[in-house]
C-alpha atoms as a PDB file:
ATOM      1  CA  MET A   1      56.867 -56.815  47.072  1.00  0.00           C
ATOM      2  CA  ASN A   2      54.299 -58.387  49.381  1.00  0.00           C
ATOM      3  CA  GLN A   3      51.283 -60.447  48.265  1.00  0.00           C
ATOM      4  CA  LYS A   4      48.819 -57.549  48.597  1.00  0.00           C
ATOM      5  CA  GLU A   5      50.969 -55.330  46.388  1.00  0.00           C
ATOM      6  CA  ILE A   6      51.238 -58.087  43.777  1.00  0.00           C
ATOM      7  CA  VAL A   7      47.454 -58.580  43.768  1.00  0.00           C
ATOM      8  CA  ASP A   8      46.853 -54.824  43.566  1.00  0.00           C
ATOM      9  CA  ASN A   9      49.239 -54.600  40.603  1.00  0.00           C
ATOM     10  CA  VAL A  10      47.615 -57.585  38.858  1.00  0.00           C
ATOM     11  CA  VAL A  11      44.148 -56.045  39.238  1.00  0.00           C
ATOM     12  CA  ALA A  12      45.437 -52.682  37.981  1.00  0.00           C
ATOM     13  CA  LEU A  13      46.992 -54.456  34.986  1.00  0.00           C
ATOM     14  CA  ALA A  14      43.711 -56.246  34.200  1.00  0.00           C
ATOM     15  CA  MET A  15      41.771 -52.984  34.386  1.00  0.00           C
ATOM     16  CA  ALA A  16      44.318 -51.287  32.116  1.00  0.00           C
ATOM     17  CA  ILE A  17      44.030 -54.108  29.564  1.00  0.00           C
ATOM     18  CA  ALA A  18      40.224 -54.176  29.671  1.00  0.00           C
ATOM     19  CA  PHE A  19      39.529 -50.449  29.896  1.00  0.00           C
ATOM     20  CA  GLY A  20      42.726 -48.489  29.208  1.00  0.00           C
ATOM     21  CA  ASP A  21      45.147 -47.739  26.418  1.00  0.00           C
ATOM     22  CA  LEU A  22      46.576 -51.103  25.337  1.00  0.00           C
ATOM     23  CA  GLN A  23      49.619 -49.434  23.798  1.00  0.00           C
ATOM     24  CA  SER A  24      50.700 -48.012  27.162  1.00  0.00           C
ATOM     25  CA  VAL A  25      50.167 -51.170  29.259  1.00  0.00           C
ATOM     26  CA  ASP A  26      53.344 -52.300  31.026  1.00  0.00           C
ATOM     27  CA  ARG A  27      53.505 -55.994  30.135  1.00  0.00           C
ATOM     28  CA  THR A  28      56.205 -56.884  32.653  1.00  0.00           C
ATOM     29  CA  CYS A  29      55.121 -59.626  35.062  1.00  0.00           C
ATOM     30  CA  HIS A  30      54.355 -58.036  38.412  1.00  0.00           C
ATOM     31  CA  HIS A  31      55.279 -61.264  40.145  1.00  0.00           C
ATOM     32  CA  CYS A  32      58.650 -62.307  38.721  1.00  0.00           C
ATOM     33  CA  LYS A  33      59.608 -59.181  36.750  1.00  0.00           C
ATOM     34  CA  LYS A  34      61.256 -61.501  34.181  1.00  0.00           C
ATOM     35  CA  ASP A  35      59.072 -61.713  31.113  1.00  0.00           C
ATOM     36  CA  GLN A  36      56.341 -60.120  29.096  1.00  0.00           C
ATOM     37  CA  ILE A  37      52.867 -61.242  30.118  1.00  0.00           C
ATOM     38  CA  VAL A  38      50.384 -62.548  27.578  1.00  0.00           C
ATOM     39  CA  PHE A  39      46.687 -61.886  27.841  1.00  0.00           C
ATOM     40  CA  SER A  40      43.539 -63.145  26.227  1.00  0.00           C
ATOM     41  CA  PHE A  41      39.863 -62.426  26.464  1.00  0.00           C
ATOM     42  CA  ALA A  42      37.305 -65.240  26.437  1.00  0.00           C
ATOM     43  CA  VAL A  43      33.507 -65.390  26.403  1.00  0.00           C
ATOM     44  CA  ASN A  44      31.433 -68.048  28.127  1.00  0.00           C
ATOM     45  CA  LYS A  45      28.088 -69.460  27.000  1.00  0.00           C
ATOM     46  CA  SER A  46      26.104 -67.094  29.217  1.00  0.00           C
ATOM     47  CA  GLY A  47      27.785 -64.050  27.713  1.00  0.00           C
ATOM     48  CA  LEU A  48      30.171 -63.212  30.551  1.00  0.00           C
ATOM     49  CA  TYR A  49      33.591 -62.000  29.490  1.00  0.00           C
ATOM     50  CA  SER A  50      36.869 -63.145  30.997  1.00  0.00           C
ATOM     51  CA  LEU A  51      40.391 -61.882  30.844  1.00  0.00           C
ATOM     52  CA  TYR A  52      43.310 -64.245  31.366  1.00  0.00           C
ATOM     53  CA  VAL A  53      46.726 -62.775  32.154  1.00  0.00           C
ATOM     54  CA  GLU A  54      49.641 -65.214  32.200  1.00  0.00           C
ATOM     55  CA  CYS A  55      53.414 -64.982  32.534  1.00  0.00           C
ATOM     56  CA  PRO A  56      55.264 -67.524  30.370  1.00  0.00           C
ATOM     57  CA  SER A  57      58.291 -67.266  32.640  1.00  0.00           C
ATOM     58  CA  CYS A  58      56.894 -67.931  36.118  1.00  0.00           C
ATOM     59  CA  GLY A  59      53.573 -69.487  35.058  1.00  0.00           C
ATOM     60  CA  ARG A  60      51.401 -67.177  37.145  1.00  0.00           C
ATOM     61  CA  ARG A  61      47.923 -66.987  35.640  1.00  0.00           C
ATOM     62  CA  ASP A  62      45.206 -64.640  36.759  1.00  0.00           C
ATOM     63  CA  HIS A  63      41.566 -64.699  35.729  1.00  0.00           C
ATOM     64  CA  HIS A  64      39.178 -61.752  35.797  1.00  0.00           C
ATOM     65  CA  ARG A  65      35.450 -61.823  35.003  1.00  0.00           C
ATOM     66  CA  PHE A  66      33.360 -58.988  33.545  1.00  0.00           C
ATOM     67  CA  GLY A  67      29.575 -58.810  33.467  1.00  0.00           C
ATOM     68  CA  SER A  68      29.550 -56.936  30.182  1.00  0.00           C
ATOM     69  CA  GLU A  69      31.834 -56.562  27.204  1.00  0.00           C
ATOM     70  CA  PRO A  70      34.959 -54.619  28.187  1.00  0.00           C
ATOM     71  CA  PRO A  71      35.712 -51.649  25.910  1.00  0.00           C
ATOM     72  CA  ASN A  72      38.971 -53.229  24.691  1.00  0.00           C
ATOM     73  CA  PHE A  73      37.416 -56.599  23.839  1.00  0.00           C
ATOM     74  CA  ARG A  74      38.099 -57.673  20.264  1.00  0.00           C
ATOM     75  CA  SER A  75      37.749 -61.140  18.803  1.00  0.00           C
ATOM     76  CA  GLU A  76      41.384 -61.084  17.651  1.00  0.00           C
ATOM     77  CA  LEU A  77      42.368 -60.839  21.336  1.00  0.00           C
ATOM     78  CA  VAL A  78      40.740 -64.235  22.066  1.00  0.00           C
ATOM     79  CA  MET A  79      43.365 -66.992  22.053  1.00  0.00           C
ATOM     80  CA  ASP A  80      42.172 -70.587  21.533  1.00  0.00           C
ATOM     81  CA  LYS A  81      44.027 -71.838  24.620  1.00  0.00           C
ATOM     82  CA  TYR A  82      42.108 -69.553  26.957  1.00  0.00           C
ATOM     83  CA  GLN A  83      38.762 -69.921  25.200  1.00  0.00           C
ATOM     84  CA  LYS A  84      39.104 -73.697  25.649  1.00  0.00           C
ATOM     85  CA  ILE A  85      39.739 -73.176  29.367  1.00  0.00           C
ATOM     86  CA  GLU A  86      36.611 -71.017  29.563  1.00  0.00           C
ATOM     87  CA  ASP A  87      34.556 -73.642  27.689  1.00  0.00           C
ATOM     88  CA  ALA A  88      35.839 -76.423  29.976  1.00  0.00           C
ATOM     89  CA  ILE A  89      34.893 -74.404  33.063  1.00  0.00           C
ATOM     90  CA  ALA A  90      31.393 -73.915  31.665  1.00  0.00           C
ATOM     91  CA  GLU A  91      30.986 -77.653  31.068  1.00  0.00           C
ATOM     92  CA  VAL A  92      32.043 -78.504  34.631  1.00  0.00           C
ATOM     93  CA  VAL A  93      29.702 -75.893  36.100  1.00  0.00           C
ATOM     94  CA  GLU A  94      26.785 -77.046  33.955  1.00  0.00           C
ATOM     95  CA  ALA A  95      27.332 -80.671  35.012  1.00  0.00           C
ATOM     96  CA  LYS A  96      27.463 -79.734  38.692  1.00  0.00           C
ATOM     97  CA  VAL A  97      24.338 -77.604  38.441  1.00  0.00           C
ATOM     98  CA  ALA A  98      22.520 -80.453  36.662  1.00  0.00           C
ATOM     99  CA  ARG A  99      23.462 -82.847  39.483  1.00  0.00           C
ATOM    100  CA  LEU A 100      22.425 -80.390  42.178  1.00  0.00           C
ATOM    101  CA  PHE A 101      19.194 -79.352  40.479  1.00  0.00           C
ATOM    102  CA  PRO A 102      17.951 -82.255  38.357  1.00  0.00           C
ATOM    103  CA  LYS A 103      15.112 -81.517  35.948  1.00  0.00           C
ATOM    104  CA  THR A 104      11.885 -83.051  37.141  1.00  0.00           C
END
């Protein structure tokens, strides 16, 4: 499988998780084909939703951002590990914006 096919499959998987039937989602890693992927939603301070998809076997992690709440979002699908990543990203971005645009 070439890189474009892997990316296309990862995006299709993310869309299926966010918008499709979660019971029918194929959770096999599209990259290594060895393990079941794990996924988690997260929400940042500005209300944007993220979806993290990670393979415990090969370590591939993909991140997808949504401008509004995906239909399959539920708080029980938010894992602490990924919410902490989202919070850390927000802190870094806020610090950079503050340095670039200091309050006068």
